[in-house]
Amino acid sequence: MYNGGGMSPDKMRQCMSLGYSSKSKMANTIGQYGNGFKTSTMRLGADVIVFSQSLGTDGKSPTRSIGVLSYTFLTETGKEDIVVPIIDFEQKGRDWTKMTRCFEDDWNRNLETIIHWSPYTSEAHLLDQFNFLKDHGTRIIIYNLWEDDEGKLELDFDTDLHVCFQHLLLYHSS
């Protein structure tokens, strides 16, 4: 969890899109930034869900976005193209309402995909995750963690008991 500024819906799409990098617009950045979001999360587990809440700027309302990058979804559905379902909400008064970019059917299909391929069972369950954030920030959940040949998690939680995983929440399903 990161209580930074959160990501707007456009920034969320940039973060989760394969092939996009803000570093590509800067010169001489090779080796300066380490692994990127997609490389790092996919190395730890097959799937990741991202929750981000951003304050409104330039007179716009605050927004919430939820996106899933799922190797499990892509392989089990036989998708040839990479599909990254993302849904957005905007605050209207005290309520959070659907923020559709094109068609409401697309938004609903993305919601169904996120619920089916994530650890969350309903739209309400997804929205509950924003309770962990203040007014803004990002929460990343990595699940279906990779295992080695002996069935042990590749990410070692046991060797160094002093490592602080306070801001790291991983979900392992079998």
Protein backbone atom coordinates (compact mmCIF):
# COMPACT_ATOMS: atom_id res chain seq x y z
CA MET A 1 0.00 0.00 0.00
CA TYR A 2 1.25 3.44 -0.91
CA ASN A 3 -0.53 6.53 0.38
CA GLY A 4 0.87 8.74 -2.36
CA GLY A 5 -1.28 10.74 -4.73
CA GLY A 6 -2.94 7.71 -6.27
CA MET A 7 -3.44 7.32 -10.00
CA SER A 8 -6.02 8.94 -12.21
CA PRO A 9 -7.86 6.59 -14.59
CA ASP A 10 -5.46 7.58 -17.40
CA LYS A 11 -2.37 6.98 -15.24
CA MET A 12 -3.80 3.61 -14.15
CA ARG A 13 -4.12 2.56 -17.80
CA GLN A 14 -0.55 3.66 -18.49
CA CYS A 15 0.70 1.73 -15.45
CA MET A 16 -1.10 -1.47 -16.40
CA SER A 17 -0.63 -1.33 -20.18
CA LEU A 18 2.02 -3.58 -21.62
CA GLY A 19 4.52 -1.75 -23.76
CA TYR A 20 4.01 1.64 -22.09
CA SER A 21 6.80 3.27 -20.13
CA SER A 22 7.06 6.90 -19.09
CA LYS A 23 10.83 6.35 -19.03
CA SER A 24 10.83 5.90 -22.80
CA LYS A 25 10.36 9.65 -23.16
CA MET A 26 13.53 10.42 -21.18
CA ALA A 27 17.10 10.08 -22.38
CA ASN A 28 19.81 8.08 -20.60
CA THR A 29 17.56 6.22 -18.15
CA ILE A 30 18.81 2.67 -18.73
CA GLY A 31 19.63 1.10 -15.37
CA GLN A 32 18.41 4.03 -13.28
CA TYR A 33 14.94 2.88 -12.26
CA GLY A 34 15.17 -0.86 -11.63
CA ASN A 35 12.38 -3.24 -12.58
CA GLY A 36 9.04 -1.83 -13.57
CA PHE A 37 5.64 -2.55 -12.09
CA LYS A 38 4.60 -5.27 -14.52
CA THR A 39 7.96 -7.05 -14.50
CA SER A 40 8.15 -7.02 -10.71
CA THR A 41 4.62 -8.14 -9.98
CA MET A 42 4.57 -10.88 -12.62
CA ARG A 43 7.85 -12.22 -11.21
CA LEU A 44 6.23 -12.67 -7.77
CA GLY A 45 2.88 -14.09 -8.81
CA ALA A 46 0.66 -14.93 -11.74
CA ASP A 47 -1.86 -12.22 -10.98
CA VAL A 48 -2.11 -8.70 -9.56
CA ILE A 49 -5.00 -6.41 -8.75
CA VAL A 50 -4.47 -2.69 -8.25
CA PHE A 51 -6.74 -0.28 -6.37
CA SER A 52 -5.97 3.42 -6.75
CA GLN A 53 -7.76 6.51 -5.49
CA SER A 54 -6.81 9.94 -6.77
CA LEU A 55 -7.87 13.37 -5.61
CA GLY A 56 -9.60 15.46 -8.22
CA THR A 57 -7.46 18.10 -9.90
CA ASP A 58 -8.28 20.98 -12.22
CA GLY A 59 -11.90 21.00 -11.07
CA LYS A 60 -12.37 17.27 -11.66
CA SER A 61 -13.92 14.89 -9.13
CA PRO A 62 -11.86 12.37 -7.14
CA THR A 63 -11.60 8.98 -8.86
CA ARG A 64 -11.13 5.33 -7.97
CA SER A 65 -9.75 2.74 -10.37
CA ILE A 66 -9.45 -1.04 -10.13
CA GLY A 67 -7.42 -3.06 -12.61
CA VAL A 68 -6.29 -6.67 -12.98
CA LEU A 69 -3.24 -8.00 -14.79
CA SER A 70 -3.77 -11.76 -14.78
CA TYR A 71 -1.65 -14.46 -16.36
CA THR A 72 -4.18 -17.00 -15.04
CA PHE A 73 -7.06 -15.26 -16.84
CA LEU A 74 -5.13 -15.02 -20.10
CA THR A 75 -3.96 -18.64 -20.14
CA GLU A 76 -7.18 -20.25 -18.90
CA THR A 77 -9.34 -18.34 -21.38
CA GLY A 78 -6.92 -18.84 -24.28
CA LYS A 79 -6.74 -15.14 -25.06
CA GLU A 80 -4.39 -14.32 -27.93
CA ASP A 81 -4.39 -10.62 -27.13
CA ILE A 82 -3.52 -9.33 -23.69
CA VAL A 83 -6.64 -8.06 -21.94
CA VAL A 84 -6.33 -5.86 -18.84
CA PRO A 85 -9.78 -5.16 -17.37
CA ILE A 86 -10.02 -1.82 -15.57
CA ILE A 87 -13.04 -0.09 -14.06
CA ASP A 88 -13.30 3.47 -12.77
CA PHE A 89 -15.53 5.38 -10.39
CA GLU A 90 -15.88 9.09 -9.77
CA GLN A 91 -17.16 10.80 -6.68
CA LYS A 92 -20.47 12.64 -7.02
CA GLY A 93 -21.27 14.28 -3.71
CA ARG A 94 -20.85 11.48 -1.16
CA ASP A 95 -21.45 8.66 -3.65
CA TRP A 96 -19.09 6.84 -6.00
CA THR A 97 -20.59 6.25 -9.44
CA LYS A 98 -19.50 4.26 -12.50
CA MET A 99 -17.23 6.20 -14.78
CA THR A 100 -17.67 4.77 -18.27
CA ARG A 101 -15.20 5.56 -21.03
CA CYS A 102 -17.21 4.08 -23.89
CA PHE A 103 -20.13 1.75 -23.30
CA GLU A 104 -21.67 0.65 -20.02
CA ASP A 105 -21.65 -2.96 -21.28
CA ASP A 106 -17.83 -2.77 -21.50
CA TRP A 107 -17.63 -1.46 -17.93
CA ASN A 108 -19.94 -4.25 -16.71
CA ARG A 109 -17.94 -6.91 -18.60
CA ASN A 110 -14.71 -5.61 -17.04
CA LEU A 111 -16.31 -5.75 -13.58
CA GLU A 112 -17.44 -9.35 -14.16
CA THR A 113 -13.96 -10.32 -15.34
CA ILE A 114 -12.29 -8.68 -12.34
CA ILE A 115 -14.65 -10.43 -9.90
CA HIS A 116 -14.25 -13.82 -11.60
CA TRP A 117 -10.43 -13.72 -11.78
CA SER A 118 -9.59 -11.97 -8.48
CA PRO A 119 -9.89 -12.94 -4.81
CA TYR A 120 -12.91 -10.61 -4.46
CA THR A 121 -16.47 -11.86 -4.82
CA SER A 122 -18.52 -8.73 -5.53
CA GLU A 123 -18.37 -5.07 -6.48
CA ALA A 124 -18.95 -4.19 -2.81
CA HIS A 125 -16.04 -6.44 -1.77
CA LEU A 126 -13.81 -4.67 -4.31
CA LEU A 127 -14.87 -1.23 -3.09
CA ASP A 128 -14.18 -2.25 0.53
CA GLN A 129 -10.47 -2.34 -0.38
CA PHE A 130 -10.46 1.45 -0.64
CA ASN A 131 -11.12 1.58 3.12
CA PHE A 132 -7.41 0.78 3.54
CA LEU A 133 -6.50 4.02 1.78
CA LYS A 134 -7.04 7.51 3.13
CA ASP A 135 -8.25 10.06 0.58
CA HIS A 136 -5.71 8.91 -1.99
CA GLY A 137 -3.14 6.20 -2.62
CA THR A 138 -2.62 2.83 -4.25
CA ARG A 139 -3.05 -0.72 -2.95
CA ILE A 140 -1.47 -3.60 -4.88
CA ILE A 141 -2.41 -7.22 -4.18
CA ILE A 142 -0.33 -9.98 -5.77
CA TYR A 143 -1.96 -13.41 -5.75
CA ASN A 144 -1.42 -16.91 -7.12
CA LEU A 145 2.19 -16.65 -6.03
CA TRP A 146 4.77 -18.67 -7.95
CA GLU A 147 6.08 -21.86 -6.38
CA ASP A 148 9.35 -23.70 -6.93
CA ASP A 149 9.63 -27.35 -8.02
CA GLU A 150 9.09 -28.49 -4.42
CA GLY A 151 5.84 -26.55 -4.04
CA LYS A 152 7.36 -23.86 -1.80
CA LEU A 153 6.67 -20.20 -2.45
CA GLU A 154 9.48 -18.57 -4.40
CA LEU A 155 9.10 -15.46 -2.25
CA ASP A 156 10.68 -16.41 1.07
CA PHE A 157 8.81 -15.13 4.11
CA ASP A 158 10.58 -17.42 6.60
CA THR A 159 14.36 -17.01 6.30
CA ASP A 160 14.74 -13.45 7.58
CA LEU A 161 12.15 -12.89 10.28
CA HIS A 162 13.19 -9.24 10.66
CA VAL A 163 12.13 -8.21 7.17
CA CYS A 164 9.19 -5.86 7.43
CA PHE A 165 6.28 -6.81 5.19
CA GLN A 166 4.04 -4.17 6.73
CA HIS A 167 3.06 -2.74 3.34
CA LEU A 168 3.16 -5.99 1.40
CA LEU A 169 -0.02 -8.02 1.16
CA LEU A 170 0.16 -11.16 -0.91
CA TYR A 171 -2.62 -13.64 -1.50
CA HIS A 172 -1.91 -17.28 -2.25
CA SER A 173 -4.68 -19.49 -3.53
CA SER A 174 -4.42 -23.12 -4.41
